């Protein structure tokens, strides 16, 4: 009937899960569609941001989709095959770290607020 601390924890869990899964999913789409997704990311970022709206948009884009783009730009100097292998390894590591981070955050939330 009323909003409880358990409800708040559940909303935070869902939010963290959405952010981590969006990062991983966008990385997977970069692995498949490469230049198309990188072009989309470059056109959706304001460089340099001048207004508050542009700064908020950049923060949202980098927070929700930025890790795949960042990793890909770091390995862009390699040839196509090596770049794909390195990116898939990075995606696997990111997926594992996302799961670990999710359980750490949710465990800490439950420990702090439900103990």
C-alpha atoms as a PDB file:
ATOM      1  CA  UNK A   1       0.000   0.000   0.000  1.00  0.00           C
ATOM      2  CA  UNK A   2       2.770   2.444   0.899  1.00  0.00           C
ATOM      3  CA  UNK A   3       6.222   2.856  -0.553  1.00  0.00           C
ATOM      4  CA  UNK A   4       8.689   0.891   1.575  1.00  0.00           C
ATOM      5  CA  UNK A   5      12.455   0.607   1.786  1.00  0.00           C
ATOM      6  CA  UNK A   6      12.211  -2.776   0.035  1.00  0.00           C
ATOM      7  CA  UNK A   7      10.492  -1.077  -2.897  1.00  0.00           C
ATOM      8  CA  UNK A   8      13.248   1.535  -3.053  1.00  0.00           C
ATOM      9  CA  UNK A   9      15.934  -1.158  -3.015  1.00  0.00           C
ATOM     10  CA  UNK A  10      14.132  -3.028  -5.796  1.00  0.00           C
ATOM     11  CA  UNK A  11      13.964   0.115  -7.958  1.00  0.00           C
ATOM     12  CA  UNK A  12      17.684   0.739  -7.428  1.00  0.00           C
ATOM     13  CA  UNK A  13      18.443  -2.900  -8.318  1.00  0.00           C
ATOM     14  CA  UNK A  14      16.458  -2.588 -11.526  1.00  0.00           C
ATOM     15  CA  UNK A  15      18.168   0.713 -12.390  1.00  0.00           C
ATOM     16  CA  UNK A  16      21.650  -0.723 -11.850  1.00  0.00           C
ATOM     17  CA  UNK A  17      20.710  -3.799 -13.869  1.00  0.00           C
ATOM     18  CA  UNK A  18      19.401  -1.680 -16.732  1.00  0.00           C
ATOM     19  CA  UNK A  19      22.525   0.482 -16.869  1.00  0.00           C
ATOM     20  CA  UNK A  20      24.928  -2.465 -16.751  1.00  0.00           C
ATOM     21  CA  UNK A  21      22.980  -4.476 -19.304  1.00  0.00           C
ATOM     22  CA  UNK A  22      22.669  -1.461 -21.637  1.00  0.00           C
ATOM     23  CA  UNK A  23      26.451  -0.984 -21.536  1.00  0.00           C
ATOM     24  CA  UNK A  24      26.992  -4.649 -22.401  1.00  0.00           C
ATOM     25  CA  UNK A  25      24.286  -4.716 -25.077  1.00  0.00           C
ATOM     26  CA  UNK A  26      25.626  -1.624 -26.812  1.00  0.00           C
ATOM     27  CA  UNK A  27      29.068  -3.226 -26.775  1.00  0.00           C
ATOM     28  CA  UNK A  28      27.588  -6.305 -28.463  1.00  0.00           C
ATOM     29  CA  UNK A  29      25.972  -4.162 -31.149  1.00  0.00           C
ATOM     30  CA  UNK A  30      29.313  -2.437 -31.742  1.00  0.00           C
ATOM     31  CA  UNK A  31      30.881  -5.874 -32.200  1.00  0.00           C
ATOM     32  CA  UNK A  32      28.267  -6.718 -34.839  1.00  0.00           C
ATOM     33  CA  UNK A  33      27.614  -3.390 -36.587  1.00  0.00           C
ATOM     34  CA  UNK A  34      30.901  -1.635 -35.857  1.00  0.00           C
ATOM     35  CA  UNK A  35      31.056   1.599 -37.895  1.00  0.00           C
ATOM     36  CA  UNK A  36      27.291   2.183 -37.848  1.00  0.00           C
ATOM     37  CA  UNK A  37      27.108   2.150 -34.053  1.00  0.00           C
ATOM     38  CA  UNK A  38      30.283   4.189 -33.676  1.00  0.00           C
ATOM     39  CA  UNK A  39      28.864   6.780 -36.072  1.00  0.00           C
ATOM     40  CA  UNK A  40      25.625   6.880 -34.105  1.00  0.00           C
ATOM     41  CA  UNK A  41      27.536   7.453 -30.877  1.00  0.00           C
ATOM     42  CA  UNK A  42      29.697  10.199 -32.416  1.00  0.00           C
ATOM     43  CA  UNK A  43      26.660  12.056 -33.779  1.00  0.00           C
ATOM     44  CA  UNK A  44      24.805  11.820 -30.466  1.00  0.00           C
ATOM     45  CA  UNK A  45      27.644  13.423 -28.466  1.00  0.00           C
ATOM     46  CA  UNK A  46      28.143  17.173 -28.430  1.00  0.00           C
ATOM     47  CA  UNK A  47      31.809  18.070 -28.630  1.00  0.00           C
ATOM     48  CA  UNK A  48      32.341  20.404 -26.840  1.00  0.00           C
ATOM     49  CA  UNK A  49      29.047  20.809 -24.960  1.00  0.00           C
ATOM     50  CA  UNK A  50      28.069  24.451 -24.538  1.00  0.00           C
ATOM     51  CA  UNK A  51      24.609  24.360 -22.952  1.00  0.00           C
ATOM     52  CA  UNK A  52      23.225  22.539 -19.941  1.00  0.00           C
ATOM     53  CA  UNK A  53      21.072  20.385 -22.228  1.00  0.00           C
ATOM     54  CA  UNK A  54      24.123  19.276 -24.202  1.00  0.00           C
ATOM     55  CA  UNK A  55      26.011  18.445 -21.003  1.00  0.00           C
ATOM     56  CA  UNK A  56      23.078  16.389 -19.696  1.00  0.00           C
ATOM     57  CA  UNK A  57      22.791  14.583 -23.032  1.00  0.00           C
ATOM     58  CA  UNK A  58      26.515  13.797 -23.049  1.00  0.00           C
ATOM     59  CA  UNK A  59      26.373  12.503 -19.466  1.00  0.00           C
ATOM     60  CA  UNK A  60      23.393  10.297 -20.310  1.00  0.00           C
ATOM     61  CA  UNK A  61      25.033   8.923 -23.465  1.00  0.00           C
ATOM     62  CA  UNK A  62      28.385   8.260 -21.814  1.00  0.00           C
ATOM     63  CA  UNK A  63      26.790   6.738 -18.727  1.00  0.00           C
ATOM     64  CA  UNK A  64      24.459   4.462 -20.637  1.00  0.00           C
ATOM     65  CA  UNK A  65      26.450   3.591 -23.764  1.00  0.00           C
ATOM     66  CA  UNK A  66      29.988   4.832 -23.278  1.00  0.00           C
ATOM     67  CA  UNK A  67      32.013   1.777 -22.265  1.00  0.00           C
ATOM     68  CA  UNK A  68      31.740  -0.066 -25.582  1.00  0.00           C
ATOM     69  CA  UNK A  69      32.723   3.033 -27.532  1.00  0.00           C
ATOM     70  CA  UNK A  70      35.629   3.746 -25.172  1.00  0.00           C
ATOM     71  CA  UNK A  71      36.994   0.204 -25.401  1.00  0.00           C
ATOM     72  CA  UNK A  72      36.607   0.130 -29.175  1.00  0.00           C
ATOM     73  CA  UNK A  73      38.464   3.406 -29.683  1.00  0.00           C
ATOM     74  CA  UNK A  74      41.371   2.053 -27.612  1.00  0.00           C
ATOM     75  CA  UNK A  75      41.769  -1.011 -29.857  1.00  0.00           C
ATOM     76  CA  UNK A  76      40.934   0.720 -33.147  1.00  0.00           C
ATOM     77  CA  UNK A  77      44.580   0.770 -34.258  1.00  0.00           C
ATOM     78  CA  UNK A  78      44.694  -3.012 -34.778  1.00  0.00           C
ATOM     79  CA  UNK A  79      43.584  -4.823 -37.925  1.00  0.00           C
ATOM     80  CA  UNK A  80      40.005  -6.058 -38.245  1.00  0.00           C
ATOM     81  CA  UNK A  81      40.507  -9.628 -37.002  1.00  0.00           C
ATOM     82  CA  UNK A  82      42.650  -8.740 -33.981  1.00  0.00           C
ATOM     83  CA  UNK A  83      40.297  -5.873 -33.129  1.00  0.00           C
ATOM     84  CA  UNK A  84      37.288  -8.238 -33.139  1.00  0.00           C
ATOM     85  CA  UNK A  85      39.037 -10.804 -30.948  1.00  0.00           C
ATOM     86  CA  UNK A  86      40.229  -8.173 -28.459  1.00  0.00           C
ATOM     87  CA  UNK A  87      36.791  -6.571 -28.360  1.00  0.00           C
ATOM     88  CA  UNK A  88      35.059  -9.901 -27.746  1.00  0.00           C
ATOM     89  CA  UNK A  89      37.495 -10.637 -24.916  1.00  0.00           C
ATOM     90  CA  UNK A  90      36.807  -7.182 -23.479  1.00  0.00           C
ATOM     91  CA  UNK A  91      33.050  -7.798 -23.776  1.00  0.00           C
ATOM     92  CA  UNK A  92      33.357 -11.104 -21.939  1.00  0.00           C
ATOM     93  CA  UNK A  93      35.323  -9.426 -19.145  1.00  0.00           C
ATOM     94  CA  UNK A  94      32.822  -6.571 -19.028  1.00  0.00           C
ATOM     95  CA  UNK A  95      29.920  -9.020 -18.783  1.00  0.00           C
ATOM     96  CA  UNK A  96      31.516 -10.885 -15.898  1.00  0.00           C
ATOM     97  CA  UNK A  97      32.450  -7.660 -14.111  1.00  0.00           C
ATOM     98  CA  UNK A  98      28.921  -6.309 -14.613  1.00  0.00           C
ATOM     99  CA  UNK A  99      27.431  -9.372 -12.937  1.00  0.00           C
ATOM    100  CA  UNK A 100      29.893  -9.130 -10.054  1.00  0.00           C
ATOM    101  CA  UNK A 101      29.271  -5.383  -9.659  1.00  0.00           C
ATOM    102  CA  UNK A 102      25.502  -5.927  -9.687  1.00  0.00           C
ATOM    103  CA  UNK A 103      25.701  -8.481  -6.886  1.00  0.00           C
ATOM    104  CA  UNK A 104      28.079  -6.302  -4.863  1.00  0.00           C
ATOM    105  CA  UNK A 105      25.785  -3.272  -5.140  1.00  0.00           C
ATOM    106  CA  UNK A 106      22.612  -5.208  -4.348  1.00  0.00           C
ATOM    107  CA  UNK A 107      24.304  -7.048  -1.486  1.00  0.00           C
ATOM    108  CA  UNK A 108      25.501  -3.798   0.033  1.00  0.00           C
ATOM    109  CA  UNK A 109      22.059  -2.215  -0.334  1.00  0.00           C
ATOM    110  CA  UNK A 110      20.402  -5.139   1.406  1.00  0.00           C
ATOM    111  CA  UNK A 111      23.080  -5.245   4.088  1.00  0.00           C
ATOM    112  CA  UNK A 112      22.791  -1.544   4.847  1.00  0.00           C
ATOM    113  CA  UNK A 113      19.024  -1.108   4.676  1.00  0.00           C
ATOM    114  CA  UNK A 114      17.554  -4.501   5.520  1.00  0.00           C
ATOM    115  CA  UNK A 115      19.782  -5.559   8.413  1.00  0.00           C
END
